[in-house]
Amino acid sequence: GWYSSSHYLIMNQAKYDALSPEDKAIVDKHSGVAFAKMAGAGWDKINAEGLEIVEAAGNTIKTAPETTVQALEGLNADFLEDYYKAAADVDVDGKAAYEFFKADVKAATKTN
């Protein structure tokens, strides 16, 4: 597809640290890779259902022409530049954050 979606399970560190070992084990079991797999499976299911609906309605799925792909890649590059500037305004290294995210996704894809 042309999109990706990030899902986060965020908890205040002090609140997490205050949990009992049993509760921490539950949070840990259902977060991280497990949470990402659950979210991804949900999107996979919805995407498959959507494709069935589109095809049942008689629509045709076509591959985008290279000019469209290039235009979208250009928009993404512009978005990233805007993000890097906005991140820098709050003392965040946006390029490093983005590279970390890509490397993390690549590593998770290889191991899962």
PDB file of N, CA and C in Angstrom:
ATOM      1  N   GLY A   1       0.802  -1.184   0.000  1.00  0.00           N
ATOM      2  CA  GLY A   1       0.000   0.000   0.000  1.00  0.00           C
ATOM      3  C   GLY A   1       0.852   1.258   0.000  1.00  0.00           C
ATOM      4  N   TRP A   2       0.172   2.385  -0.060  1.00  0.00           N
ATOM      5  CA  TRP A   2       0.848   3.682  -0.110  1.00  0.00           C
ATOM      6  C   TRP A   2       0.941   4.339   1.247  1.00  0.00           C
ATOM      7  N   TYR A   3       0.608   3.631   2.260  1.00  0.00           N
ATOM      8  CA  TYR A   3       0.598   4.277   3.559  1.00  0.00           C
ATOM      9  C   TYR A   3       1.207   3.352   4.595  1.00  0.00           C
ATOM     10  N   SER A   4       1.518   3.927   5.700  1.00  0.00           N
ATOM     11  CA  SER A   4       1.884   3.154   6.877  1.00  0.00           C
ATOM     12  C   SER A   4       1.241   3.850   8.056  1.00  0.00           C
ATOM     13  N   SER A   5       1.077   3.130   9.083  1.00  0.00           N
ATOM     14  CA  SER A   5       0.419   3.686  10.248  1.00  0.00           C
ATOM     15  C   SER A   5       1.194   3.266  11.483  1.00  0.00           C
ATOM     16  N   SER A   6       1.506   4.201  12.299  1.00  0.00           N
ATOM     17  CA  SER A   6       2.228   3.907  13.537  1.00  0.00           C
ATOM     18  C   SER A   6       1.245   3.813  14.688  1.00  0.00           C
ATOM     19  N   HIS A   7       1.431   2.817  15.500  1.00  0.00           N
ATOM     20  CA  HIS A   7       0.589   2.626  16.674  1.00  0.00           C
ATOM     21  C   HIS A   7       1.499   2.599  17.887  1.00  0.00           C
ATOM     22  N   TYR A   8       1.076   3.275  18.915  1.00  0.00           N
ATOM     23  CA  TYR A   8       1.897   3.376  20.108  1.00  0.00           C
ATOM     24  C   TYR A   8       1.099   2.991  21.339  1.00  0.00           C
ATOM     25  N   LEU A   9       1.765   2.305  22.225  1.00  0.00           N
ATOM     26  CA  LEU A   9       1.231   2.056  23.544  1.00  0.00           C
ATOM     27  C   LEU A   9       2.159   2.824  24.477  1.00  0.00           C
ATOM     28  N   ILE A  10       1.670   3.942  24.983  1.00  0.00           N
ATOM     29  CA  ILE A  10       2.507   4.854  25.755  1.00  0.00           C
ATOM     30  C   ILE A  10       2.039   4.861  27.201  1.00  0.00           C
ATOM     31  N   MET A  11       3.020   4.823  28.103  1.00  0.00           N
ATOM     32  CA  MET A  11       2.702   4.864  29.522  1.00  0.00           C
ATOM     33  C   MET A  11       3.771   5.683  30.228  1.00  0.00           C
ATOM     34  N   ASN A  12       3.347   6.482  31.152  1.00  0.00           N
ATOM     35  CA  ASN A  12       4.259   7.257  31.964  1.00  0.00           C
ATOM     36  C   ASN A  12       5.217   6.310  32.690  1.00  0.00           C
ATOM     37  N   GLN A  13       6.527   6.588  32.615  1.00  0.00           N
ATOM     38  CA  GLN A  13       7.525   5.693  33.205  1.00  0.00           C
ATOM     39  C   GLN A  13       7.308   5.497  34.699  1.00  0.00           C
ATOM     40  N   ALA A  14       6.974   6.580  35.421  1.00  0.00           N
ATOM     41  CA  ALA A  14       6.760   6.460  36.869  1.00  0.00           C
ATOM     42  C   ALA A  14       5.565   5.550  37.169  1.00  0.00           C
ATOM     43  N   LYS A  15       4.511   5.654  36.364  1.00  0.00           N
ATOM     44  CA  LYS A  15       3.336   4.796  36.559  1.00  0.00           C
ATOM     45  C   LYS A  15       3.689   3.334  36.262  1.00  0.00           C
ATOM     46  N   TYR A  16       4.464   3.111  35.183  1.00  0.00           N
ATOM     47  CA  TYR A  16       4.896   1.753  34.852  1.00  0.00           C
ATOM     48  C   TYR A  16       5.743   1.184  35.986  1.00  0.00           C
ATOM     49  N   ASP A  17       6.693   1.987  36.468  1.00  0.00           N
ATOM     50  CA  ASP A  17       7.578   1.530  37.544  1.00  0.00           C
ATOM     51  C   ASP A  17       6.796   1.186  38.809  1.00  0.00           C
ATOM     52  N   ALA A  18       5.654   1.833  39.017  1.00  0.00           N
ATOM     53  CA  ALA A  18       4.844   1.594  40.210  1.00  0.00           C
ATOM     54  C   ALA A  18       3.967   0.350  40.098  1.00  0.00           C
ATOM     55  N   LEU A  19       3.886  -0.232  38.923  1.00  0.00           N
ATOM     56  CA  LEU A  19       3.065  -1.435  38.746  1.00  0.00           C
ATOM     57  C   LEU A  19       3.676  -2.621  39.482  1.00  0.00           C
ATOM     58  N   SER A  20       2.815  -3.548  39.831  1.00  0.00           N
ATOM     59  CA  SER A  20       3.300  -4.801  40.424  1.00  0.00           C
ATOM     60  C   SER A  20       4.024  -5.599  39.337  1.00  0.00           C
ATOM     61  N   PRO A  21       4.887  -6.510  39.711  1.00  0.00           N
ATOM     62  CA  PRO A  21       5.552  -7.339  38.694  1.00  0.00           C
ATOM     63  C   PRO A  21       4.556  -8.079  37.795  1.00  0.00           C
ATOM     64  N   GLU A  22       3.436  -8.504  38.379  1.00  0.00           N
ATOM     65  CA  GLU A  22       2.429  -9.204  37.583  1.00  0.00           C
ATOM     66  C   GLU A  22       1.815  -8.282  36.539  1.00  0.00           C
ATOM     67  N   ASP A  23       1.489  -7.054  36.937  1.00  0.00           N
ATOM     68  CA  ASP A  23       0.907  -6.099  35.995  1.00  0.00           C
ATOM     69  C   ASP A  23       1.918  -5.681  34.934  1.00  0.00           C
ATOM     70  N   LYS A  24       3.181  -5.514  35.327  1.00  0.00           N
ATOM     71  CA  LYS A  24       4.217  -5.195  34.342  1.00  0.00           C
ATOM     72  C   LYS A  24       4.317  -6.308  33.305  1.00  0.00           C
ATOM     73  N   ALA A  25       4.228  -7.555  33.750  1.00  0.00           N
ATOM     74  CA  ALA A  25       4.314  -8.689  32.829  1.00  0.00           C
ATOM     75  C   ALA A  25       3.166  -8.653  31.815  1.00  0.00           C
ATOM     76  N   ILE A  26       1.981  -8.261  32.257  1.00  0.00           N
ATOM     77  CA  ILE A  26       0.829  -8.160  31.345  1.00  0.00           C
ATOM     78  C   ILE A  26       1.056  -7.050  30.329  1.00  0.00           C
ATOM     79  N   VAL A  27       1.488  -5.872  30.799  1.00  0.00           N
ATOM     80  CA  VAL A  27       1.754  -4.754  29.888  1.00  0.00           C
ATOM     81  C   VAL A  27       2.845  -5.147  28.896  1.00  0.00           C
ATOM     82  N   ASP A  28       3.913  -5.747  29.394  1.00  0.00           N
ATOM     83  CA  ASP A  28       5.030  -6.140  28.524  1.00  0.00           C
ATOM     84  C   ASP A  28       4.597  -7.174  27.484  1.00  0.00           C
ATOM     85  N   LYS A  29       3.760  -8.102  27.895  1.00  0.00           N
ATOM     86  CA  LYS A  29       3.300  -9.156  26.983  1.00  0.00           C
ATOM     87  C   LYS A  29       2.485  -8.593  25.824  1.00  0.00           C
ATOM     88  N   HIS A  30       1.750  -7.525  26.094  1.00  0.00           N
ATOM     89  CA  HIS A  30       0.826  -6.984  25.092  1.00  0.00           C
ATOM     90  C   HIS A  30       1.308  -5.668  24.484  1.00  0.00           C
ATOM     91  N   SER A  31       2.593  -5.384  24.593  1.00  0.00           N
ATOM     92  CA  SER A  31       3.152  -4.168  23.996  1.00  0.00           C
ATOM     93  C   SER A  31       4.332  -4.560  23.106  1.00  0.00           C
ATOM     94  N   GLY A  32       5.040  -3.573  22.609  1.00  0.00           N
ATOM     95  CA  GLY A  32       6.198  -3.855  21.760  1.00  0.00           C
ATOM     96  C   GLY A  32       5.801  -4.573  20.480  1.00  0.00           C
ATOM     97  N   VAL A  33       6.535  -5.610  20.148  1.00  0.00           N
ATOM     98  CA  VAL A  33       6.294  -6.360  18.912  1.00  0.00           C
ATOM     99  C   VAL A  33       4.899  -6.980  18.914  1.00  0.00           C
ATOM    100  N   ALA A  34       4.464  -7.473  20.062  1.00  0.00           N
ATOM    101  CA  ALA A  34       3.133  -8.086  20.131  1.00  0.00           C
ATOM    102  C   ALA A  34       2.041  -7.078  19.768  1.00  0.00           C
ATOM    103  N   PHE A  35       2.178  -5.855  20.280  1.00  0.00           N
ATOM    104  CA  PHE A  35       1.203  -4.810  19.971  1.00  0.00           C
ATOM    105  C   PHE A  35       1.254  -4.443  18.490  1.00  0.00           C
ATOM    106  N   ALA A  36       2.465  -4.336  17.956  1.00  0.00           N
ATOM    107  CA  ALA A  36       2.623  -3.999  16.535  1.00  0.00           C
ATOM    108  C   ALA A  36       2.015  -5.081  15.647  1.00  0.00           C
ATOM    109  N   LYS A  37       2.228  -6.341  16.003  1.00  0.00           N
ATOM    110  CA  LYS A  37       1.649  -7.440  15.219  1.00  0.00           C
ATOM    111  C   LYS A  37       0.124  -7.409  15.278  1.00  0.00           C
ATOM    112  N   MET A  38      -0.424  -7.131  16.452  1.00  0.00           N
ATOM    113  CA  MET A  38      -1.874  -7.068  16.597  1.00  0.00           C
ATOM    114  C   MET A  38      -2.445  -5.933  15.747  1.00  0.00           C
ATOM    115  N   ALA A  39      -1.820  -4.772  15.816  1.00  0.00           N
ATOM    116  CA  ALA A  39      -2.296  -3.635  15.023  1.00  0.00           C
ATOM    117  C   ALA A  39      -2.156  -3.936  13.530  1.00  0.00           C
ATOM    118  N   GLY A  40      -1.032  -4.495  13.138  1.00  0.00           N
ATOM    119  CA  GLY A  40      -0.808  -4.836  11.735  1.00  0.00           C
ATOM    120  C   GLY A  40      -1.814  -5.851  11.226  1.00  0.00           C
ATOM    121  N   ALA A  41      -2.129  -6.844  12.048  1.00  0.00           N
ATOM    122  CA  ALA A  41      -3.107  -7.859  11.649  1.00  0.00           C
ATOM    123  C   ALA A  41      -4.481  -7.223  11.437  1.00  0.00           C
ATOM    124  N   GLY A  42      -4.806  -6.256  12.274  1.00  0.00           N
ATOM    125  CA  GLY A  42      -6.080  -5.557  12.111  1.00  0.00           C
ATOM    126  C   GLY A  42      -6.147  -4.812  10.792  1.00  0.00           C
ATOM    127  N   TRP A  43      -5.059  -4.106  10.460  1.00  0.00           N
ATOM    128  CA  TRP A  43      -5.019  -3.383   9.175  1.00  0.00           C
ATOM    129  C   TRP A  43      -5.028  -4.358   8.002  1.00  0.00           C
ATOM    130  N   ASP A  44      -4.328  -5.477   8.123  1.00  0.00           N
ATOM    131  CA  ASP A  44      -4.339  -6.479   7.050  1.00  0.00           C
ATOM    132  C   ASP A  44      -5.757  -6.979   6.798  1.00  0.00           C
ATOM    133  N   LYS A  45      -6.500  -7.239   7.871  1.00  0.00           N
ATOM    134  CA  LYS A  45      -7.878  -7.726   7.750  1.00  0.00           C
ATOM    135  C   LYS A  45      -8.763  -6.676   7.070  1.00  0.00           C
ATOM    136  N   ILE A  46      -8.658  -5.439   7.537  1.00  0.00           N
ATOM    137  CA  ILE A  46      -9.472  -4.364   6.954  1.00  0.00           C
ATOM    138  C   ILE A  46      -9.116  -4.142   5.488  1.00  0.00           C
ATOM    139  N   ASN A  47      -7.826  -4.180   5.165  1.00  0.00           N
ATOM    140  CA  ASN A  47      -7.399  -4.000   3.774  1.00  0.00           C
ATOM    141  C   ASN A  47      -7.947  -5.101   2.874  1.00  0.00           C
ATOM    142  N   ALA A  48      -7.896  -6.345   3.357  1.00  0.00           N
ATOM    143  CA  ALA A  48      -8.409  -7.467   2.561  1.00  0.00           C
ATOM    144  C   ALA A  48      -9.913  -7.322   2.341  1.00  0.00           C
ATOM    145  N   GLU A  49     -10.617  -6.933   3.397  1.00  0.00           N
ATOM    146  CA  GLU A  49     -12.067  -6.743   3.270  1.00  0.00           C
ATOM    147  C   GLU A  49     -12.380  -5.604   2.290  1.00  0.00           C
ATOM    148  N   GLY A  50     -11.624  -4.537   2.376  1.00  0.00           N
ATOM    149  CA  GLY A  50     -11.831  -3.408   1.471  1.00  0.00           C
ATOM    150  C   GLY A  50     -11.591  -3.791   0.028  1.00  0.00           C
ATOM    151  N   LEU A  51     -10.545  -4.568  -0.203  1.00  0.00           N
ATOM    152  CA  LEU A  51     -10.245  -5.021  -1.561  1.00  0.00           C
ATOM    153  C   LEU A  51     -11.371  -5.897  -2.107  1.00  0.00           C
ATOM    154  N   GLU A  52     -11.900  -6.776  -1.262  1.00  0.00           N
ATOM    155  CA  GLU A  52     -13.026  -7.615  -1.694  1.00  0.00           C
ATOM    156  C   GLU A  52     -14.230  -6.756  -2.087  1.00  0.00           C
ATOM    157  N   ILE A  53     -14.524  -5.742  -1.307  1.00  0.00           N
ATOM    158  CA  ILE A  53     -15.658  -4.860  -1.591  1.00  0.00           C
ATOM    159  C   ILE A  53     -15.452  -4.122  -2.909  1.00  0.00           C
ATOM    160  N   VAL A  54     -14.236  -3.611  -3.098  1.00  0.00           N
ATOM    161  CA  VAL A  54     -13.917  -2.870  -4.317  1.00  0.00           C
ATOM    162  C   VAL A  54     -14.042  -3.775  -5.546  1.00  0.00           C
ATOM    163  N   GLU A  55     -13.490  -4.975  -5.455  1.00  0.00           N
ATOM    164  CA  GLU A  55     -13.550  -5.899  -6.595  1.00  0.00           C
ATOM    165  C   GLU A  55     -14.972  -6.387  -6.842  1.00  0.00           C
ATOM    166  N   ALA A  56     -15.738  -6.644  -5.774  1.00  0.00           N
ATOM    167  CA  ALA A  56     -17.121  -7.101  -5.925  1.00  0.00           C
ATOM    168  C   ALA A  56     -17.979  -6.025  -6.584  1.00  0.00           C
ATOM    169  N   ALA A  57     -17.602  -4.779  -6.409  1.00  0.00           N
ATOM    170  CA  ALA A  57     -18.343  -3.674  -7.024  1.00  0.00           C
ATOM    171  C   ALA A  57     -17.944  -3.471  -8.483  1.00  0.00           C
ATOM    172  N   GLY A  58     -17.016  -4.307  -8.968  1.00  0.00           N
ATOM    173  CA  GLY A  58     -16.639  -4.237 -10.371  1.00  0.00           C
ATOM    174  C   GLY A  58     -15.501  -3.284 -10.671  1.00  0.00           C
ATOM    175  N   ASN A  59     -14.844  -2.777  -9.643  1.00  0.00           N
ATOM    176  CA  ASN A  59     -13.722  -1.864  -9.856  1.00  0.00           C
ATOM    177  C   ASN A  59     -12.475  -2.623 -10.286  1.00  0.00           C
ATOM    178  N   THR A  60     -11.608  -1.939 -10.949  1.00  0.00           N
ATOM    179  CA  THR A  60     -10.349  -2.515 -11.407  1.00  0.00           C
ATOM    180  C   THR A  60      -9.207  -1.877 -10.624  1.00  0.00           C
ATOM    181  N   ILE A  61      -8.291  -2.691 -10.165  1.00  0.00           N
ATOM    182  CA  ILE A  61      -7.117  -2.205  -9.438  1.00  0.00           C
ATOM    183  C   ILE A  61      -5.972  -2.090 -10.443  1.00  0.00           C
ATOM    184  N   LYS A  62      -5.352  -0.929 -10.495  1.00  0.00           N
ATOM    185  CA  LYS A  62      -4.256  -0.707 -11.431  1.00  0.00           C
ATOM    186  C   LYS A  62      -3.024  -0.241 -10.678  1.00  0.00           C
ATOM    187  N   THR A  63      -1.876  -0.570 -11.216  1.00  0.00           N
ATOM    188  CA  THR A  63      -0.617  -0.074 -10.671  1.00  0.00           C
ATOM    189  C   THR A  63      -0.421   1.362 -11.138  1.00  0.00           C
ATOM    190  N   ALA A  64      -0.034   2.217 -10.199  1.00  0.00           N
ATOM    191  CA  ALA A  64       0.163   3.629 -10.537  1.00  0.00           C
ATOM    192  C   ALA A  64       1.318   3.779 -11.519  1.00  0.00           C
ATOM    193  N   PRO A  65       1.184   4.694 -12.466  1.00  0.00           N
ATOM    194  CA  PRO A  65       2.282   4.940 -13.404  1.00  0.00           C
ATOM    195  C   PRO A  65       3.489   5.541 -12.667  1.00  0.00           C
ATOM    196  N   GLU A  66       4.657   5.359 -13.238  1.00  0.00           N
ATOM    197  CA  GLU A  66       5.897   5.816 -12.617  1.00  0.00           C
ATOM    198  C   GLU A  66       5.859   7.315 -12.310  1.00  0.00           C
ATOM    199  N   THR A  67       5.217   8.096 -13.159  1.00  0.00           N
ATOM    200  CA  THR A  67       5.142   9.544 -12.900  1.00  0.00           C
ATOM    201  C   THR A  67       4.374   9.837 -11.606  1.00  0.00           C
ATOM    202  N   THR A  68       3.347   9.055 -11.345  1.00  0.00           N
ATOM    203  CA  THR A  68       2.581   9.222 -10.105  1.00  0.00           C
ATOM    204  C   THR A  68       3.425   8.801  -8.903  1.00  0.00           C
ATOM    205  N   VAL A  69       4.117   7.695  -9.047  1.00  0.00           N
ATOM    206  CA  VAL A  69       4.993   7.219  -7.973  1.00  0.00           C
ATOM    207  C   VAL A  69       6.037   8.287  -7.648  1.00  0.00           C
ATOM    208  N   GLN A  70       6.649   8.846  -8.669  1.00  0.00           N
ATOM    209  CA  GLN A  70       7.659   9.884  -8.462  1.00  0.00           C
ATOM    210  C   GLN A  70       7.067  11.131  -7.803  1.00  0.00           C
ATOM    211  N   ALA A  71       5.870  11.501  -8.210  1.00  0.00           N
ATOM    212  CA  ALA A  71       5.216  12.671  -7.611  1.00  0.00           C
ATOM    213  C   ALA A  71       4.942  12.441  -6.129  1.00  0.00           C
ATOM    214  N   LEU A  72       4.485  11.255  -5.794  1.00  0.00           N
ATOM    215  CA  LEU A  72       4.225  10.939  -4.391  1.00  0.00           C
ATOM    216  C   LEU A  72       5.515  10.884  -3.582  1.00  0.00           C
ATOM    217  N   GLU A  73       6.559  10.345  -4.178  1.00  0.00           N
ATOM    218  CA  GLU A  73       7.848  10.321  -3.491  1.00  0.00           C
ATOM    219  C   GLU A  73       8.362  11.740  -3.256  1.00  0.00           C
ATOM    220  N   GLY A  74       8.099  12.638  -4.207  1.00  0.00           N
ATOM    221  CA  GLY A  74       8.475  14.038  -4.032  1.00  0.00           C
ATOM    222  C   GLY A  74       7.705  14.693  -2.899  1.00  0.00           C
ATOM    223  N   LEU A  75       6.410  14.398  -2.812  1.00  0.00           N
ATOM    224  CA  LEU A  75       5.603  14.926  -1.710  1.00  0.00           C
ATOM    225  C   LEU A  75       6.116  14.410  -0.369  1.00  0.00           C
ATOM    226  N   ASN A  76       6.504  13.137  -0.341  1.00  0.00           N
ATOM    227  CA  ASN A  76       7.038  12.562   0.893  1.00  0.00           C
ATOM    228  C   ASN A  76       8.351  13.239   1.282  1.00  0.00           C
ATOM    229  N   ALA A  77       9.194  13.508   0.301  1.00  0.00           N
ATOM    230  CA  ALA A  77      10.463  14.194   0.579  1.00  0.00           C
ATOM    231  C   ALA A  77      10.203  15.589   1.136  1.00  0.00           C
ATOM    232  N   ASP A  78       9.226  16.297   0.567  1.00  0.00           N
ATOM    233  CA  ASP A  78       8.862  17.621   1.078  1.00  0.00           C
ATOM    234  C   ASP A  78       8.348  17.526   2.513  1.00  0.00           C
ATOM    235  N   PHE A  79       7.511  16.529   2.766  1.00  0.00           N
ATOM    236  CA  PHE A  79       6.989  16.324   4.112  1.00  0.00           C
ATOM    237  C   PHE A  79       8.125  16.093   5.104  1.00  0.00           C
ATOM    238  N   LEU A  80       9.071  15.238   4.715  1.00  0.00           N
ATOM    239  CA  LEU A  80      10.183  14.948   5.616  1.00  0.00           C
ATOM    240  C   LEU A  80      11.006  16.193   5.911  1.00  0.00           C
ATOM    241  N   GLU A  81      11.240  17.008   4.909  1.00  0.00           N
ATOM    242  CA  GLU A  81      11.996  18.244   5.137  1.00  0.00           C
ATOM    243  C   GLU A  81      11.255  19.164   6.107  1.00  0.00           C
ATOM    244  N   ASP A  82       9.944  19.260   5.949  1.00  0.00           N
ATOM    245  CA  ASP A  82       9.137  20.062   6.881  1.00  0.00           C
ATOM    246  C   ASP A  82       9.213  19.477   8.299  1.00  0.00           C
ATOM    247  N   TYR A  83       9.156  18.158   8.376  1.00  0.00           N
ATOM    248  CA  TYR A  83       9.251  17.488   9.684  1.00  0.00           C
ATOM    249  C   TYR A  83      10.603  17.747  10.330  1.00  0.00           C
ATOM    250  N   TYR A  84      11.669  17.609   9.564  1.00  0.00           N
ATOM    251  CA  TYR A  84      13.011  17.837  10.117  1.00  0.00           C
ATOM    252  C   TYR A  84      13.131  19.250  10.683  1.00  0.00           C
ATOM    253  N   LYS A  85      12.601  20.228   9.966  1.00  0.00           N
ATOM    254  CA  LYS A  85      12.664  21.620  10.429  1.00  0.00           C
ATOM    255  C   LYS A  85      11.830  21.804  11.698  1.00  0.00           C
ATOM    256  N   ALA A  86      10.627  21.251  11.718  1.00  0.00           N
ATOM    257  CA  ALA A  86       9.764  21.377  12.900  1.00  0.00           C
ATOM    258  C   ALA A  86      10.391  20.666  14.097  1.00  0.00           C
ATOM    259  N   ALA A  87      10.983  19.518  13.854  1.00  0.00           N
ATOM    260  CA  ALA A  87      11.637  18.789  14.944  1.00  0.00           C
ATOM    261  C   ALA A  87      12.812  19.587  15.491  1.00  0.00           C
ATOM    262  N   ALA A  88      13.591  20.172  14.604  1.00  0.00           N
ATOM    263  CA  ALA A  88      14.742  20.969  15.035  1.00  0.00           C
ATOM    264  C   ALA A  88      14.296  22.151  15.894  1.00  0.00           C
ATOM    265  N   ASP A  89      13.125  22.699  15.608  1.00  0.00           N
ATOM    266  CA  ASP A  89      12.607  23.824  16.382  1.00  0.00           C
ATOM    267  C   ASP A  89      12.365  23.466  17.846  1.00  0.00           C
ATOM    268  N   VAL A  90      12.199  22.174  18.127  1.00  0.00           N
ATOM    269  CA  VAL A  90      12.004  21.722  19.514  1.00  0.00           C
ATOM    270  C   VAL A  90      13.179  20.859  19.974  1.00  0.00           C
ATOM    271  N   ASP A  91      14.335  21.101  19.354  1.00  0.00           N
ATOM    272  CA  ASP A  91      15.593  20.428  19.715  1.00  0.00           C
ATOM    273  C   ASP A  91      15.549  18.906  19.578  1.00  0.00           C
ATOM    274  N   VAL A  92      14.876  18.442  18.536  1.00  0.00           N
ATOM    275  CA  VAL A  92      14.840  17.014  18.226  1.00  0.00           C
ATOM    276  C   VAL A  92      15.531  16.811  16.883  1.00  0.00           C
ATOM    277  N   ASP A  93      16.370  15.796  16.816  1.00  0.00           N
ATOM    278  CA  ASP A  93      17.037  15.453  15.561  1.00  0.00           C
ATOM    279  C   ASP A  93      16.077  14.588  14.746  1.00  0.00           C
ATOM    280  N   GLY A  94      15.284  15.229  13.915  1.00  0.00           N
ATOM    281  CA  GLY A  94      14.267  14.527  13.147  1.00  0.00           C
ATOM    282  C   GLY A  94      14.830  13.480  12.206  1.00  0.00           C
ATOM    283  N   LYS A  95      15.964  13.790  11.577  1.00  0.00           N
ATOM    284  CA  LYS A  95      16.575  12.808  10.676  1.00  0.00           C
ATOM    285  C   LYS A  95      16.986  11.564  11.443  1.00  0.00           C
ATOM    286  N   ALA A  96      17.589  11.750  12.612  1.00  0.00           N
ATOM    287  CA  ALA A  96      18.003  10.603  13.425  1.00  0.00           C
ATOM    288  C   ALA A  96      16.786   9.801  13.874  1.00  0.00           C
ATOM    289  N   ALA A  97      15.713  10.492  14.255  1.00  0.00           N
ATOM    290  CA  ALA A  97      14.497   9.800  14.682  1.00  0.00           C
ATOM    291  C   ALA A  97      13.915   8.983  13.534  1.00  0.00           C
ATOM    292  N   TYR A  98      13.881   9.573  12.352  1.00  0.00           N
ATOM    293  CA  TYR A  98      13.344   8.874  11.182  1.00  0.00           C
ATOM    294  C   TYR A  98      14.212   7.672  10.813  1.00  0.00           C
ATOM    295  N   GLU A  99      15.518   7.846  10.833  1.00  0.00           N
ATOM    296  CA  GLU A  99      16.426   6.733  10.515  1.00  0.00           C
ATOM    297  C   GLU A  99      16.288   5.618  11.552  1.00  0.00           C
ATOM    298  N   PHE A 100      16.139   5.988  12.822  1.00  0.00           N
ATOM    299  CA  PHE A 100      15.933   4.997  13.878  1.00  0.00           C
ATOM    300  C   PHE A 100      14.663   4.196  13.607  1.00  0.00           C
ATOM    301  N   PHE A 101      13.587   4.918  13.259  1.00  0.00           N
ATOM    302  CA  PHE A 101      12.308   4.269  12.971  1.00  0.00           C
ATOM    303  C   PHE A 101      12.447   3.291  11.805  1.00  0.00           C
ATOM    304  N   LYS A 102      13.088   3.728  10.723  1.00  0.00           N
ATOM    305  CA  LYS A 102      13.255   2.852   9.553  1.00  0.00           C
ATOM    306  C   LYS A 102      14.084   1.621   9.910  1.00  0.00           C
ATOM    307  N   ALA A 103      15.157   1.809  10.671  1.00  0.00           N
ATOM    308  CA  ALA A 103      16.004   0.680  11.057  1.00  0.00           C
ATOM    309  C   ALA A 103      15.243  -0.284  11.964  1.00  0.00           C
ATOM    310  N   ASP A 104      14.439   0.268  12.860  1.00  0.00           N
ATOM    311  CA  ASP A 104      13.663  -0.564  13.765  1.00  0.00           C
ATOM    312  C   ASP A 104      12.638  -1.388  12.997  1.00  0.00           C
ATOM    313  N   VAL A 105      11.970  -0.771  12.038  1.00  0.00           N
ATOM    314  CA  VAL A 105      10.995  -1.490  11.211  1.00  0.00           C
ATOM    315  C   VAL A 105      11.700  -2.583  10.408  1.00  0.00           C
ATOM    316  N   LYS A 106      12.856  -2.259   9.841  1.00  0.00           N
ATOM    317  CA  LYS A 106      13.604  -3.241   9.060  1.00  0.00           C
ATOM    318  C   LYS A 106      14.014  -4.427   9.915  1.00  0.00           C
ATOM    319  N   ALA A 107      14.501  -4.152  11.123  1.00  0.00           N
ATOM    320  CA  ALA A 107      14.908  -5.226  12.023  1.00  0.00           C
ATOM    321  C   ALA A 107      13.728  -6.081  12.435  1.00  0.00           C
ATOM    322  N   ALA A 108      12.597  -5.439  12.744  1.00  0.00           N
ATOM    323  CA  ALA A 108      11.407  -6.188  13.161  1.00  0.00           C
ATOM    324  C   ALA A 108      10.883  -7.029  12.008  1.00  0.00           C
ATOM    325  N   THR A 109      10.976  -6.520  10.805  1.00  0.00           N
ATOM    326  CA  THR A 109      10.500  -7.258   9.624  1.00  0.00           C
ATOM    327  C   THR A 109      11.351  -8.506   9.393  1.00  0.00           C
ATOM    328  N   LYS A 110      12.650  -8.397   9.619  1.00  0.00           N
ATOM    329  CA  LYS A 110      13.545  -9.538   9.420  1.00  0.00           C
ATOM    330  C   LYS A 110      13.321 -10.627  10.459  1.00  0.00           C
ATOM    331  N   THR A 111      12.985 -10.235  11.694  1.00  0.00           N
ATOM    332  CA  THR A 111      12.873 -11.220  12.775  1.00  0.00           C
ATOM    333  C   THR A 111      11.469 -11.734  12.988  1.00  0.00           C
ATOM    334  N   ASN A 112      10.500 -11.114  12.333  1.00  0.00           N
ATOM    335  CA  ASN A 112       9.123 -11.522  12.589  1.00  0.00           C
ATOM    336  C   ASN A 112       8.474 -11.854  11.288  1.00  0.00           C
TER     337      ASN A 112
END
